[in-house]
Full PDB file with SEQRES, HELIX, SHEET, SSBOND, CRYST1, ORIGX, SCALE, CONECT and MASTER records, all heavy atoms in Angstrom:
SEQRES   1 A   41  LYS ASN ALA GLY TYR ASN ILE ASP LYS PHE ARG GLU ASP          
SEQRES   2 A   41  THR TYR GLU GLY LYS PRO THR TYR VAL VAL GLY ALA ASP          
SEQRES   3 A   41  ALA ASN ASP PHE THR THR SER GLN PHE TRP ILE ASP LYS          
SEQRES   4 A   41  LYS ASN                                                      
SHEET    1 AA1 3 PHE A  10  TYR A  15  0                                        
SHEET    2 AA1 3 LYS A  18  VAL A  23 -1                                        
SHEET    3 AA1 3 PHE A  35  ASP A  38 -1                                        
CRYST1    1.000    1.000    1.000  90.00  90.00  90.00 P 1           1          
ORIGX1      1.000000  0.000000  0.000000        0.00000                         
ORIGX2      0.000000  1.000000  0.000000        0.00000                         
ORIGX3      0.000000  0.000000  1.000000        0.00000                         
SCALE1      1.000000  0.000000  0.000000        0.00000                         
SCALE2      0.000000  1.000000  0.000000        0.00000                         
SCALE3      0.000000  0.000000  1.000000        0.00000                         
ATOM      1  N   LYS A   1       8.587  -2.810  -9.966  1.00  0.00           N  
ATOM      2  CA  LYS A   1       9.675  -1.829  -9.828  1.00  0.00           C  
ATOM      3  C   LYS A   1       9.711  -0.901 -11.036  1.00  0.00           C  
ATOM      4  O   LYS A   1       9.826   0.314 -10.893  1.00  0.00           O  
ATOM      5  CB  LYS A   1      11.021  -2.539  -9.682  1.00  0.00           C  
ATOM      6  CG  LYS A   1      11.285  -3.099  -8.331  1.00  0.00           C  
ATOM      7  CD  LYS A   1      12.689  -3.706  -8.300  1.00  0.00           C  
ATOM      8  CE  LYS A   1      13.016  -4.295  -6.962  1.00  0.00           C  
ATOM      9  NZ  LYS A   1      14.369  -4.875  -6.923  1.00  0.00           N  
ATOM     10  N   ASN A   2       9.609  -1.493 -12.234  1.00  0.00           N  
ATOM     11  CA  ASN A   2       9.638  -0.685 -13.454  1.00  0.00           C  
ATOM     12  C   ASN A   2       8.444   0.258 -13.547  1.00  0.00           C  
ATOM     13  O   ASN A   2       8.526   1.300 -14.184  1.00  0.00           O  
ATOM     14  CB  ASN A   2       9.673  -1.588 -14.692  1.00  0.00           C  
ATOM     15  CG  ASN A   2      11.009  -2.272 -14.864  1.00  0.00           C  
ATOM     16  OD1 ASN A   2      12.031  -1.813 -14.353  1.00  0.00           O  
ATOM     17  ND2 ASN A   2      11.012  -3.390 -15.572  1.00  0.00           N  
ATOM     18  N   ALA A   3       7.344  -0.106 -12.904  1.00  0.00           N  
ATOM     19  CA  ALA A   3       6.155   0.747 -12.896  1.00  0.00           C  
ATOM     20  C   ALA A   3       6.251   1.859 -11.852  1.00  0.00           C  
ATOM     21  O   ALA A   3       5.361   2.691 -11.743  1.00  0.00           O  
ATOM     22  CB  ALA A   3       4.913  -0.097 -12.646  1.00  0.00           C  
ATOM     23  N   GLY A   4       7.334   1.863 -11.050  1.00  0.00           N  
ATOM     24  CA  GLY A   4       7.547   2.950 -10.103  1.00  0.00           C  
ATOM     25  C   GLY A   4       7.169   2.650  -8.671  1.00  0.00           C  
ATOM     26  O   GLY A   4       7.138   3.553  -7.834  1.00  0.00           O  
ATOM     27  N   TYR A   5       6.881   1.382  -8.352  1.00  0.00           N  
ATOM     28  CA  TYR A   5       6.524   1.017  -6.979  1.00  0.00           C  
ATOM     29  C   TYR A   5       7.764   0.544  -6.223  1.00  0.00           C  
ATOM     30  O   TYR A   5       8.557  -0.234  -6.748  1.00  0.00           O  
ATOM     31  CB  TYR A   5       5.474  -0.102  -6.963  1.00  0.00           C  
ATOM     32  CG  TYR A   5       4.182   0.297  -7.611  1.00  0.00           C  
ATOM     33  CD1 TYR A   5       3.859  -0.123  -8.895  1.00  0.00           C  
ATOM     34  CD2 TYR A   5       3.271   1.108  -6.942  1.00  0.00           C  
ATOM     35  CE1 TYR A   5       2.669   0.249  -9.493  1.00  0.00           C  
ATOM     36  CE2 TYR A   5       2.082   1.480  -7.532  1.00  0.00           C  
ATOM     37  CZ  TYR A   5       1.790   1.047  -8.806  1.00  0.00           C  
ATOM     38  OH  TYR A   5       0.602   1.418  -9.404  1.00  0.00           O  
ATOM     39  N   ASN A   6       7.909   1.013  -4.990  1.00  0.00           N  
ATOM     40  CA  ASN A   6       8.996   0.573  -4.124  1.00  0.00           C  
ATOM     41  C   ASN A   6       8.525  -0.685  -3.402  1.00  0.00           C  
ATOM     42  O   ASN A   6       7.854  -0.606  -2.373  1.00  0.00           O  
ATOM     43  CB  ASN A   6       9.368   1.662  -3.123  1.00  0.00           C  
ATOM     44  CG  ASN A   6      10.510   1.265  -2.223  1.00  0.00           C  
ATOM     45  OD1 ASN A   6      10.926   0.108  -2.184  1.00  0.00           O  
ATOM     46  ND2 ASN A   6      11.022   2.218  -1.485  1.00  0.00           N  
ATOM     47  N   ILE A   7       8.880  -1.841  -3.926  1.00  0.00           N  
ATOM     48  CA  ILE A   7       8.381  -3.100  -3.370  1.00  0.00           C  
ATOM     49  C   ILE A   7       9.033  -3.449  -2.035  1.00  0.00           C  
ATOM     50  O   ILE A   7       8.618  -4.393  -1.372  1.00  0.00           O  
ATOM     51  CB  ILE A   7       8.530  -4.261  -4.366  1.00  0.00           C  
ATOM     52  CG1 ILE A   7       9.990  -4.469  -4.739  1.00  0.00           C  
ATOM     53  CG2 ILE A   7       7.666  -4.019  -5.594  1.00  0.00           C  
ATOM     54  CD1 ILE A   7      10.240  -5.758  -5.476  1.00  0.00           C  
ATOM     55  N   ASP A   8      10.039  -2.684  -1.631  1.00  0.00           N  
ATOM     56  CA  ASP A   8      10.652  -2.905  -0.316  1.00  0.00           C  
ATOM     57  C   ASP A   8       9.783  -2.341   0.810  1.00  0.00           C  
ATOM     58  O   ASP A   8      10.012  -2.640   1.971  1.00  0.00           O  
ATOM     59  CB  ASP A   8      12.045  -2.282  -0.255  1.00  0.00           C  
ATOM     60  CG  ASP A   8      13.002  -2.956  -1.231  1.00  0.00           C  
ATOM     61  OD1 ASP A   8      12.890  -4.186  -1.418  1.00  0.00           O  
ATOM     62  OD2 ASP A   8      13.842  -2.255  -1.813  1.00  0.00           O  
ATOM     63  N   LYS A   9       8.816  -1.514   0.448  1.00  0.00           N  
ATOM     64  CA  LYS A   9       7.920  -0.934   1.456  1.00  0.00           C  
ATOM     65  C   LYS A   9       6.604  -1.690   1.432  1.00  0.00           C  
ATOM     66  O   LYS A   9       5.899  -1.715   0.418  1.00  0.00           O  
ATOM     67  CB  LYS A   9       7.695   0.546   1.187  1.00  0.00           C  
ATOM     68  CG  LYS A   9       8.954   1.350   1.378  1.00  0.00           C  
ATOM     69  CD  LYS A   9       8.685   2.814   1.465  1.00  0.00           C  
ATOM     70  CE  LYS A   9      10.012   3.522   1.701  1.00  0.00           C  
ATOM     71  NZ  LYS A   9       9.827   4.769   2.376  1.00  0.00           N  
ATOM     72  N   PHE A  10       6.278  -2.308   2.542  1.00  0.00           N  
ATOM     73  CA  PHE A  10       5.068  -3.115   2.671  1.00  0.00           C  
ATOM     74  C   PHE A  10       4.519  -2.901   4.070  1.00  0.00           C  
ATOM     75  O   PHE A  10       5.274  -2.931   5.043  1.00  0.00           O  
ATOM     76  CB  PHE A  10       5.400  -4.601   2.458  1.00  0.00           C  
ATOM     77  CG  PHE A  10       4.216  -5.502   2.613  1.00  0.00           C  
ATOM     78  CD1 PHE A  10       3.386  -5.759   1.539  1.00  0.00           C  
ATOM     79  CD2 PHE A  10       3.927  -6.087   3.828  1.00  0.00           C  
ATOM     80  CE1 PHE A  10       2.286  -6.598   1.677  1.00  0.00           C  
ATOM     81  CE2 PHE A  10       2.832  -6.925   3.982  1.00  0.00           C  
ATOM     82  CZ  PHE A  10       2.012  -7.176   2.898  1.00  0.00           C  
ATOM     83  N   ARG A  11       3.220  -2.672   4.173  1.00  0.00           N  
ATOM     84  CA  ARG A  11       2.610  -2.459   5.488  1.00  0.00           C  
ATOM     85  C   ARG A  11       1.142  -2.848   5.438  1.00  0.00           C  
ATOM     86  O   ARG A  11       0.606  -3.139   4.375  1.00  0.00           O  
ATOM     87  CB  ARG A  11       2.759  -1.006   5.919  1.00  0.00           C  
ATOM     88  CG  ARG A  11       2.041  -0.025   5.020  1.00  0.00           C  
ATOM     89  CD  ARG A  11       2.333   1.429   5.398  1.00  0.00           C  
ATOM     90  NE  ARG A  11       1.736   2.339   4.451  1.00  0.00           N  
ATOM     91  CZ  ARG A  11       0.487   2.766   4.466  1.00  0.00           C  
ATOM     92  NH1 ARG A  11      -0.338   2.348   5.416  1.00  0.00           N  
ATOM     93  NH2 ARG A  11       0.029   3.599   3.565  1.00  0.00           N  
ATOM     94  N   GLU A  12       0.534  -2.852   6.611  1.00  0.00           N  
ATOM     95  CA  GLU A  12      -0.908  -3.080   6.704  1.00  0.00           C  
ATOM     96  C   GLU A  12      -1.584  -1.773   7.089  1.00  0.00           C  
ATOM     97  O   GLU A  12      -1.007  -0.943   7.792  1.00  0.00           O  
ATOM     98  CB  GLU A  12      -1.205  -4.164   7.732  1.00  0.00           C  
ATOM     99  CG  GLU A  12      -0.669  -5.515   7.316  1.00  0.00           C  
ATOM    100  CD  GLU A  12      -1.066  -6.636   8.246  1.00  0.00           C  
ATOM    101  OE1 GLU A  12      -2.083  -6.503   8.959  1.00  0.00           O  
ATOM    102  OE2 GLU A  12      -0.346  -7.653   8.250  1.00  0.00           O  
ATOM    103  N   ASP A  13      -2.809  -1.585   6.606  1.00  0.00           N  
ATOM    104  CA  ASP A  13      -3.572  -0.368   6.879  1.00  0.00           C  
ATOM    105  C   ASP A  13      -5.051  -0.748   6.810  1.00  0.00           C  
ATOM    106  O   ASP A  13      -5.380  -1.917   6.710  1.00  0.00           O  
ATOM    107  CB  ASP A  13      -3.227   0.704   5.834  1.00  0.00           C  
ATOM    108  CG  ASP A  13      -3.406   2.119   6.351  1.00  0.00           C  
ATOM    109  OD1 ASP A  13      -4.406   2.388   7.049  1.00  0.00           O  
ATOM    110  OD2 ASP A  13      -2.551   2.977   6.051  1.00  0.00           O  
ATOM    111  N   THR A  14      -5.915   0.241   6.836  1.00  0.00           N  
ATOM    112  CA  THR A  14      -7.328   0.009   6.602  1.00  0.00           C  
ATOM    113  C   THR A  14      -7.799   0.976   5.527  1.00  0.00           C  
ATOM    114  O   THR A  14      -7.304   2.100   5.418  1.00  0.00           O  
ATOM    115  CB  THR A  14      -8.196   0.207   7.871  1.00  0.00           C  
ATOM    116  OG1 THR A  14      -7.988   1.524   8.362  1.00  0.00           O  
ATOM    117  CG2 THR A  14      -7.855  -0.802   8.931  1.00  0.00           C  
ATOM    118  N   TYR A  15      -8.752   0.530   4.734  1.00  0.00           N  
ATOM    119  CA  TYR A  15      -9.354   1.367   3.705  1.00  0.00           C  
ATOM    120  C   TYR A  15     -10.853   1.112   3.731  1.00  0.00           C  
ATOM    121  O   TYR A  15     -11.294  -0.027   3.615  1.00  0.00           O  
ATOM    122  CB  TYR A  15      -8.770   1.033   2.325  1.00  0.00           C  
ATOM    123  CG  TYR A  15      -9.415   1.788   1.206  1.00  0.00           C  
ATOM    124  CD1 TYR A  15      -9.293   3.164   1.127  1.00  0.00           C  
ATOM    125  CD2 TYR A  15     -10.167   1.141   0.247  1.00  0.00           C  
ATOM    126  CE1 TYR A  15      -9.896   3.876   0.104  1.00  0.00           C  
ATOM    127  CE2 TYR A  15     -10.775   1.830  -0.782  1.00  0.00           C  
ATOM    128  CZ  TYR A  15     -10.632   3.202  -0.843  1.00  0.00           C  
ATOM    129  OH  TYR A  15     -11.233   3.913  -1.853  1.00  0.00           O  
ATOM    130  N   GLU A  16     -11.607   2.174   3.919  1.00  0.00           N  
ATOM    131  CA  GLU A  16     -13.061   2.083   4.053  1.00  0.00           C  
ATOM    132  C   GLU A  16     -13.452   1.055   5.110  1.00  0.00           C  
ATOM    133  O   GLU A  16     -14.376   0.263   4.927  1.00  0.00           O  
ATOM    134  CB  GLU A  16     -13.709   1.792   2.704  1.00  0.00           C  
ATOM    135  CG  GLU A  16     -13.511   2.936   1.715  1.00  0.00           C  
ATOM    136  CD  GLU A  16     -14.257   2.763   0.415  1.00  0.00           C  
ATOM    137  OE1 GLU A  16     -14.768   1.649   0.129  1.00  0.00           O  
ATOM    138  OE2 GLU A  16     -14.329   3.742  -0.331  1.00  0.00           O  
ATOM    139  N   GLY A  17     -12.710   1.036   6.208  1.00  0.00           N  
ATOM    140  CA  GLY A  17     -13.011   0.182   7.342  1.00  0.00           C  
ATOM    141  C   GLY A  17     -12.560  -1.261   7.210  1.00  0.00           C  
ATOM    142  O   GLY A  17     -12.828  -2.071   8.095  1.00  0.00           O  
ATOM    143  N   LYS A  18     -11.871  -1.602   6.122  1.00  0.00           N  
ATOM    144  CA  LYS A  18     -11.437  -2.980   5.904  1.00  0.00           C  
ATOM    145  C   LYS A  18      -9.914  -3.066   5.922  1.00  0.00           C  
ATOM    146  O   LYS A  18      -9.237  -2.163   5.435  1.00  0.00           O  
ATOM    147  CB  LYS A  18     -11.958  -3.491   4.560  1.00  0.00           C  
ATOM    148  CG  LYS A  18     -13.470  -3.558   4.496  1.00  0.00           C  
ATOM    149  CD  LYS A  18     -13.923  -4.070   3.159  1.00  0.00           C  
ATOM    150  CE  LYS A  18     -15.443  -4.117   3.088  1.00  0.00           C  
ATOM    151  NZ  LYS A  18     -15.911  -4.533   1.781  1.00  0.00           N  
ATOM    152  N   PRO A  19      -9.377  -4.161   6.456  1.00  0.00           N  
ATOM    153  CA  PRO A  19      -7.918  -4.325   6.491  1.00  0.00           C  
ATOM    154  C   PRO A  19      -7.349  -4.468   5.075  1.00  0.00           C  
ATOM    155  O   PRO A  19      -7.945  -5.120   4.216  1.00  0.00           O  
ATOM    156  CB  PRO A  19      -7.705  -5.617   7.281  1.00  0.00           C  
ATOM    157  CG  PRO A  19      -9.027  -6.075   7.744  1.00  0.00           C  
ATOM    158  CD  PRO A  19     -10.083  -5.262   7.087  1.00  0.00           C  
ATOM    159  N   THR A  20      -6.212  -3.817   4.859  1.00  0.00           N  
ATOM    160  CA  THR A  20      -5.554  -3.864   3.555  1.00  0.00           C  
ATOM    161  C   THR A  20      -4.053  -4.036   3.712  1.00  0.00           C  
ATOM    162  O   THR A  20      -3.482  -3.757   4.768  1.00  0.00           O  
ATOM    163  CB  THR A  20      -5.798  -2.571   2.752  1.00  0.00           C  
ATOM    164  OG1 THR A  20      -5.329  -1.457   3.510  1.00  0.00           O  
ATOM    165  CG2 THR A  20      -7.244  -2.383   2.394  1.00  0.00           C  
ATOM    166  N   TYR A  21      -3.442  -4.497   2.620  1.00  0.00           N  
ATOM    167  CA  TYR A  21      -1.991  -4.478   2.477  1.00  0.00           C  
ATOM    168  C   TYR A  21      -1.662  -3.299   1.579  1.00  0.00           C  
ATOM    169  O   TYR A  21      -2.362  -3.043   0.594  1.00  0.00           O  
ATOM    170  CB  TYR A  21      -1.480  -5.747   1.804  1.00  0.00           C  
ATOM    171  CG  TYR A  21      -1.719  -7.016   2.570  1.00  0.00           C  
ATOM    172  CD1 TYR A  21      -2.491  -8.032   2.031  1.00  0.00           C  
ATOM    173  CD2 TYR A  21      -1.145  -7.225   3.825  1.00  0.00           C  
ATOM    174  CE1 TYR A  21      -2.705  -9.219   2.715  1.00  0.00           C  
ATOM    175  CE2 TYR A  21      -1.361  -8.405   4.525  1.00  0.00           C  
ATOM    176  CZ  TYR A  21      -2.137  -9.397   3.958  1.00  0.00           C  
ATOM    177  OH  TYR A  21      -2.350 -10.567   4.642  1.00  0.00           O  
ATOM    178  N   VAL A  22      -0.587  -2.591   1.905  1.00  0.00           N  
ATOM    179  CA  VAL A  22      -0.152  -1.463   1.090  1.00  0.00           C  
ATOM    180  C   VAL A  22       1.289  -1.721   0.661  1.00  0.00           C  
ATOM    181  O   VAL A  22       2.151  -2.009   1.492  1.00  0.00           O  
ATOM    182  CB  VAL A  22      -0.234  -0.127   1.870  1.00  0.00           C  
ATOM    183  CG1 VAL A  22       0.210   1.035   0.988  1.00  0.00           C  
ATOM    184  CG2 VAL A  22      -1.647   0.099   2.394  1.00  0.00           C  
ATOM    185  N   VAL A  23       1.541  -1.596  -0.627  1.00  0.00           N  
ATOM    186  CA  VAL A  23       2.879  -1.781  -1.168  1.00  0.00           C  
ATOM    187  C   VAL A  23       3.323  -0.478  -1.814  1.00  0.00           C  
ATOM    188  O   VAL A  23       2.603   0.082  -2.639  1.00  0.00           O  
ATOM    189  CB  VAL A  23       2.910  -2.906  -2.218  1.00  0.00           C  
ATOM    190  CG1 VAL A  23       4.304  -3.057  -2.819  1.00  0.00           C  
ATOM    191  CG2 VAL A  23       2.437  -4.217  -1.618  1.00  0.00           C  
ATOM    192  N   GLY A  24       4.497   0.015  -1.401  1.00  0.00           N  
ATOM    193  CA  GLY A  24       5.087   1.149  -2.088  1.00  0.00           C  
ATOM    194  C   GLY A  24       5.297   2.411  -1.285  1.00  0.00           C  
ATOM    195  O   GLY A  24       6.004   3.304  -1.739  1.00  0.00           O  
ATOM    196  N   ALA A  25       4.699   2.528  -0.094  1.00  0.00           N  
ATOM    197  CA  ALA A  25       4.823   3.793   0.638  1.00  0.00           C  
ATOM    198  C   ALA A  25       4.609   3.587   2.131  1.00  0.00           C  
ATOM    199  O   ALA A  25       3.947   2.645   2.550  1.00  0.00           O  
ATOM    200  CB  ALA A  25       3.822   4.813   0.113  1.00  0.00           C  
ATOM    201  N   ASP A  26       5.168   4.501   2.895  1.00  0.00           N  
ATOM    202  CA  ASP A  26       4.965   4.509   4.341  1.00  0.00           C  
ATOM    203  C   ASP A  26       3.572   5.046   4.666  1.00  0.00           C  
ATOM    204  O   ASP A  26       2.907   5.647   3.812  1.00  0.00           O  
ATOM    205  CB  ASP A  26       6.015   5.403   5.012  1.00  0.00           C  
ATOM    206  CG  ASP A  26       7.424   4.855   4.871  1.00  0.00           C  
ATOM    207  OD1 ASP A  26       7.602   3.621   4.946  1.00  0.00           O  
ATOM    208  OD2 ASP A  26       8.354   5.666   4.677  1.00  0.00           O  
ATOM    209  N   ALA A  27       3.155   4.869   5.915  1.00  0.00           N  
ATOM    210  CA  ALA A  27       1.864   5.389   6.375  1.00  0.00           C  
ATOM    211  C   ALA A  27       1.805   6.897   6.189  1.00  0.00           C  
ATOM    212  O   ALA A  27       2.802   7.602   6.367  1.00  0.00           O  
ATOM    213  CB  ALA A  27       1.652   5.023   7.840  1.00  0.00           C  
ATOM    214  N   ASN A  28       0.651   7.384   5.787  1.00  0.00           N  
ATOM    215  CA  ASN A  28       0.373   8.814   5.595  1.00  0.00           C  
ATOM    216  C   ASN A  28       1.187   9.450   4.467  1.00  0.00           C  
ATOM    217  O   ASN A  28       1.285  10.664   4.394  1.00  0.00           O  
ATOM    218  CB  ASN A  28       0.563   9.600   6.895  1.00  0.00           C  
ATOM    219  CG  ASN A  28      -0.361   9.114   7.977  1.00  0.00           C  
ATOM    220  OD1 ASN A  28      -1.551   8.922   7.742  1.00  0.00           O  
ATOM    221  ND2 ASN A  28       0.172   8.878   9.160  1.00  0.00           N  
ATOM    222  N   ASP A  29       1.776   8.652   3.598  1.00  0.00           N  
ATOM    223  CA  ASP A  29       2.490   9.158   2.426  1.00  0.00           C  
ATOM    224  C   ASP A  29       1.593   8.953   1.217  1.00  0.00           C  
ATOM    225  O   ASP A  29       1.429   7.842   0.737  1.00  0.00           O  
ATOM    226  CB  ASP A  29       3.813   8.412   2.243  1.00  0.00           C  
ATOM    227  CG  ASP A  29       4.550   8.821   0.972  1.00  0.00           C  
ATOM    228  OD1 ASP A  29       4.050   9.706   0.236  1.00  0.00           O  
ATOM    229  OD2 ASP A  29       5.619   8.255   0.708  1.00  0.00           O  
ATOM    230  N   PHE A  30       0.991  10.029   0.741  1.00  0.00           N  
ATOM    231  CA  PHE A  30       0.116   9.947  -0.418  1.00  0.00           C  
ATOM    232  C   PHE A  30       0.741  10.635  -1.630  1.00  0.00           C  
ATOM    233  O   PHE A  30       0.049  11.012  -2.569  1.00  0.00           O  
ATOM    234  CB  PHE A  30      -1.255  10.549  -0.086  1.00  0.00           C  
ATOM    235  CG  PHE A  30      -1.922   9.848   1.057  1.00  0.00           C  
ATOM    236  CD1 PHE A  30      -1.970  10.430   2.317  1.00  0.00           C  
ATOM    237  CD2 PHE A  30      -2.465   8.586   0.897  1.00  0.00           C  
ATOM    238  CE1 PHE A  30      -2.562   9.777   3.390  1.00  0.00           C  
ATOM    239  CE2 PHE A  30      -3.059   7.916   1.959  1.00  0.00           C  
ATOM    240  CZ  PHE A  30      -3.106   8.520   3.211  1.00  0.00           C  
ATOM    241  N   THR A  31       2.070  10.791  -1.604  1.00  0.00           N  
ATOM    242  CA  THR A  31       2.788  11.436  -2.704  1.00  0.00           C  
ATOM    243  C   THR A  31       3.705  10.457  -3.432  1.00  0.00           C  
ATOM    244  O   THR A  31       4.457  10.864  -4.302  1.00  0.00           O  
ATOM    245  CB  THR A  31       3.623  12.618  -2.178  1.00  0.00           C  
ATOM    246  OG1 THR A  31       4.614  12.129  -1.280  1.00  0.00           O  
ATOM    247  CG2 THR A  31       2.747  13.643  -1.482  1.00  0.00           C  
ATOM    248  N   THR A  32       3.627   9.188  -3.075  1.00  0.00           N  
ATOM    249  CA  THR A  32       4.475   8.155  -3.658  1.00  0.00           C  
ATOM    250  C   THR A  32       3.593   7.097  -4.311  1.00  0.00           C  
ATOM    251  O   THR A  32       2.525   6.769  -3.789  1.00  0.00           O  
ATOM    252  CB  THR A  32       5.337   7.506  -2.545  1.00  0.00           C  
ATOM    253  OG1 THR A  32       6.079   8.533  -1.891  1.00  0.00           O  
ATOM    254  CG2 THR A  32       6.293   6.491  -3.104  1.00  0.00           C  
ATOM    255  N   SER A  33       4.043   6.546  -5.424  1.00  0.00           N  
ATOM    256  CA  SER A  33       3.280   5.483  -6.085  1.00  0.00           C  
ATOM    257  C   SER A  33       3.115   4.300  -5.142  1.00  0.00           C  
ATOM    258  O   SER A  33       4.070   3.848  -4.514  1.00  0.00           O  
ATOM    259  CB  SER A  33       3.996   5.030  -7.358  1.00  0.00           C  
ATOM    260  OG  SER A  33       3.993   6.055  -8.315  1.00  0.00           O  
ATOM    261  N   GLN A  34       1.867   3.806  -5.045  1.00  0.00           N  
ATOM    262  CA  GLN A  34       1.557   2.706  -4.132  1.00  0.00           C  
ATOM    263  C   GLN A  34       0.260   2.045  -4.558  1.00  0.00           C  
ATOM    264  O   GLN A  34      -0.537   2.631  -5.271  1.00  0.00           O  
ATOM    265  CB  GLN A  34       1.418   3.225  -2.704  1.00  0.00           C  
ATOM    266  CG  GLN A  34       0.344   4.281  -2.553  1.00  0.00           C  
ATOM    267  CD  GLN A  34       0.444   5.030  -1.248  1.00  0.00           C  
ATOM    268  OE1 GLN A  34      -0.087   4.565  -0.243  1.00  0.00           O  
ATOM    269  NE2 GLN A  34       1.116   6.163  -1.258  1.00  0.00           N  
ATOM    270  N   PHE A  35       0.064   0.797  -4.134  1.00  0.00           N  
ATOM    271  CA  PHE A  35      -1.204   0.138  -4.386  1.00  0.00           C  
ATOM    272  C   PHE A  35      -1.674  -0.568  -3.124  1.00  0.00           C  
ATOM    273  O   PHE A  35      -0.882  -0.981  -2.295  1.00  0.00           O  
ATOM    274  CB  PHE A  35      -1.150  -0.819  -5.586  1.00  0.00           C  
ATOM    275  CG  PHE A  35      -0.145  -1.924  -5.496  1.00  0.00           C  
ATOM    276  CD1 PHE A  35      -0.495  -3.172  -5.016  1.00  0.00           C  
ATOM    277  CD2 PHE A  35       1.154  -1.726  -5.936  1.00  0.00           C  
ATOM    278  CE1 PHE A  35       0.430  -4.201  -4.960  1.00  0.00           C  
ATOM    279  CE2 PHE A  35       2.088  -2.745  -5.886  1.00  0.00           C  
ATOM    280  CZ  PHE A  35       1.725  -3.994  -5.398  1.00  0.00           C  
ATOM    281  N   TRP A  36      -2.986  -0.646  -2.987  1.00  0.00           N  
ATOM    282  CA  TRP A  36      -3.644  -1.178  -1.795  1.00  0.00           C  
ATOM    283  C   TRP A  36      -4.441  -2.418  -2.199  1.00  0.00           C  
ATOM    284  O   TRP A  36      -5.205  -2.391  -3.164  1.00  0.00           O  
ATOM    285  CB  TRP A  36      -4.588  -0.135  -1.212  1.00  0.00           C  
ATOM    286  CG  TRP A  36      -3.935   1.124  -0.723  1.00  0.00           C  
ATOM    287  CD1 TRP A  36      -3.020   1.893  -1.386  1.00  0.00           C  
ATOM    288  CD2 TRP A  36      -4.153   1.774   0.515  1.00  0.00           C  
ATOM    289  NE1 TRP A  36      -2.668   2.979  -0.632  1.00  0.00           N  
ATOM    290  CE2 TRP A  36      -3.357   2.933   0.549  1.00  0.00           C  
ATOM    291  CE3 TRP A  36      -4.966   1.506   1.602  1.00  0.00           C  
ATOM    292  CZ2 TRP A  36      -3.334   3.804   1.611  1.00  0.00           C  
ATOM    293  CZ3 TRP A  36      -4.946   2.381   2.681  1.00  0.00           C  
ATOM    294  CH2 TRP A  36      -4.143   3.504   2.684  1.00  0.00           C  
ATOM    295  N   ILE A  37      -4.278  -3.495  -1.434  1.00  0.00           N  
ATOM    296  CA  ILE A  37      -4.920  -4.774  -1.704  1.00  0.00           C  
ATOM    297  C   ILE A  37      -5.806  -5.154  -0.517  1.00  0.00           C  
ATOM    298  O   ILE A  37      -5.353  -5.105   0.630  1.00  0.00           O  
ATOM    299  CB  ILE A  37      -3.864  -5.884  -1.912  1.00  0.00           C  
ATOM    300  CG1 ILE A  37      -2.897  -5.525  -3.027  1.00  0.00           C  
ATOM    301  CG2 ILE A  37      -4.525  -7.242  -2.130  1.00  0.00           C  
ATOM    302  CD1 ILE A  37      -3.490  -5.545  -4.398  1.00  0.00           C  
ATOM    303  N   ASP A  38      -7.058  -5.517  -0.786  1.00  0.00           N  
ATOM    304  CA  ASP A  38      -7.953  -6.000   0.265  1.00  0.00           C  
ATOM    305  C   ASP A  38      -7.330  -7.246   0.893  1.00  0.00           C  
ATOM    306  O   ASP A  38      -6.981  -8.203   0.191  1.00  0.00           O  
ATOM    307  CB  ASP A  38      -9.319  -6.336  -0.347  1.00  0.00           C  
ATOM    308  CG  ASP A  38     -10.290  -6.881   0.674  1.00  0.00           C  
ATOM    309  OD1 ASP A  38     -10.247  -8.109   0.928  1.00  0.00           O  
ATOM    310  OD2 ASP A  38     -11.090  -6.108   1.217  1.00  0.00           O  
ATOM    311  N   LYS A  39      -7.146  -7.224   2.200  1.00  0.00           N  
ATOM    312  CA  LYS A  39      -6.446  -8.303   2.897  1.00  0.00           C  
ATOM    313  C   LYS A  39      -7.208  -9.618   2.845  1.00  0.00           C  
ATOM    314  O   LYS A  39      -6.613 -10.687   2.680  1.00  0.00           O  
ATOM    315  CB  LYS A  39      -6.203  -7.893   4.355  1.00  0.00           C  
ATOM    316  CG  LYS A  39      -5.331  -8.840   5.130  1.00  0.00           C  
ATOM    317  CD  LYS A  39      -5.019  -8.297   6.516  1.00  0.00           C  
ATOM    318  CE  LYS A  39      -4.172  -9.251   7.313  1.00  0.00           C  
ATOM    319  NZ  LYS A  39      -3.844  -8.695   8.640  1.00  0.00           N  
ATOM    320  N   LYS A  40      -8.520  -9.596   2.952  1.00  0.00           N  
ATOM    321  CA  LYS A  40      -9.304 -10.824   2.981  1.00  0.00           C  
ATOM    322  C   LYS A  40      -9.437 -11.454   1.601  1.00  0.00           C  
ATOM    323  O   LYS A  40      -9.234 -12.651   1.417  1.00  0.00           O  
ATOM    324  CB  LYS A  40     -10.695 -10.543   3.562  1.00  0.00           C  
ATOM    325  CG  LYS A  40     -11.586 -11.765   3.604  1.00  0.00           C  
ATOM    326  CD  LYS A  40     -12.962 -11.432   4.148  1.00  0.00           C  
ATOM    327  CE  LYS A  40     -13.862 -12.660   4.104  1.00  0.00           C  
ATOM    328  NZ  LYS A  40     -15.235 -12.324   4.460  1.00  0.00           N  
ATOM    329  N   ASN A  41      -9.799 -10.637   0.610  1.00  0.00           N  
ATOM    330  CA  ASN A  41     -10.104 -11.162  -0.727  1.00  0.00           C  
ATOM    331  C   ASN A  41      -8.973 -11.018  -1.742  1.00  0.00           C  
ATOM    332  O   ASN A  41      -9.072 -11.538  -2.851  1.00  0.00           O  
ATOM    333  CB  ASN A  41     -11.363 -10.479  -1.263  1.00  0.00           C  
ATOM    334  CG  ASN A  41     -12.546 -10.743  -0.381  1.00  0.00           C  
ATOM    335  OD1 ASN A  41     -12.957 -11.884  -0.215  1.00  0.00           O  
ATOM    336  ND2 ASN A  41     -13.097  -9.702   0.226  1.00  0.00           N  
TER     337      ASN A  41                                                      
MASTER        0    0    0    0    3    0    0    6  336    1    0    4          
END                                                                             
């Protein structure tokens, strides 16, 4: 939270063809601080 991420926003997406978790932003929002985690690893 202190780093600027909205931890209340959590979703699944894909990145480079792999499933990911996204924390911090809604789908198609690339103007908000967010981080993407590889779902498998």
